[in-house]
Amino acid sequence: MLKSSKEFGHFYNRSQKKHLRNAILFYKEGSGKRVGFTASKKVGNAVARNFAKRRLRAAFLKIEARLKEGTYILVAKKEIVDADFKTIERDLLYGAGKLKALQ
């Protein structure tokens, strides 16, 4: 899992990205699966940001088996707080398909 700001910055500049309804998906091919979740203050207060990251994490874990190895970063948008879980999951699959990250 990506933790430091330096790691996030490195991949923001060197990866493909796809804007989705509820999130922005960054993907870079590589060996092993690494993932990072982030939500800015635009999403809301700390409770809303943590809720958004939990939803992204749960949706990602549900589709993880269908994804190629590489580094993934998921940035929550403020719309994610009101979206239903199925929509988030569908969006992530759509974005992964567009980035050719599906197996």
Foldseek 3Di string as FASTA:
>chain_A
DDDDPVVVVVQVVVFDWDDFPWKIKTWDDDPAEAEEEFEDCQLDDPVSGVVLRVLLVVLCVVCVVFFAHTYMYIYGHNCSSVDDSVRSNVRVVVGCVVRVGGD
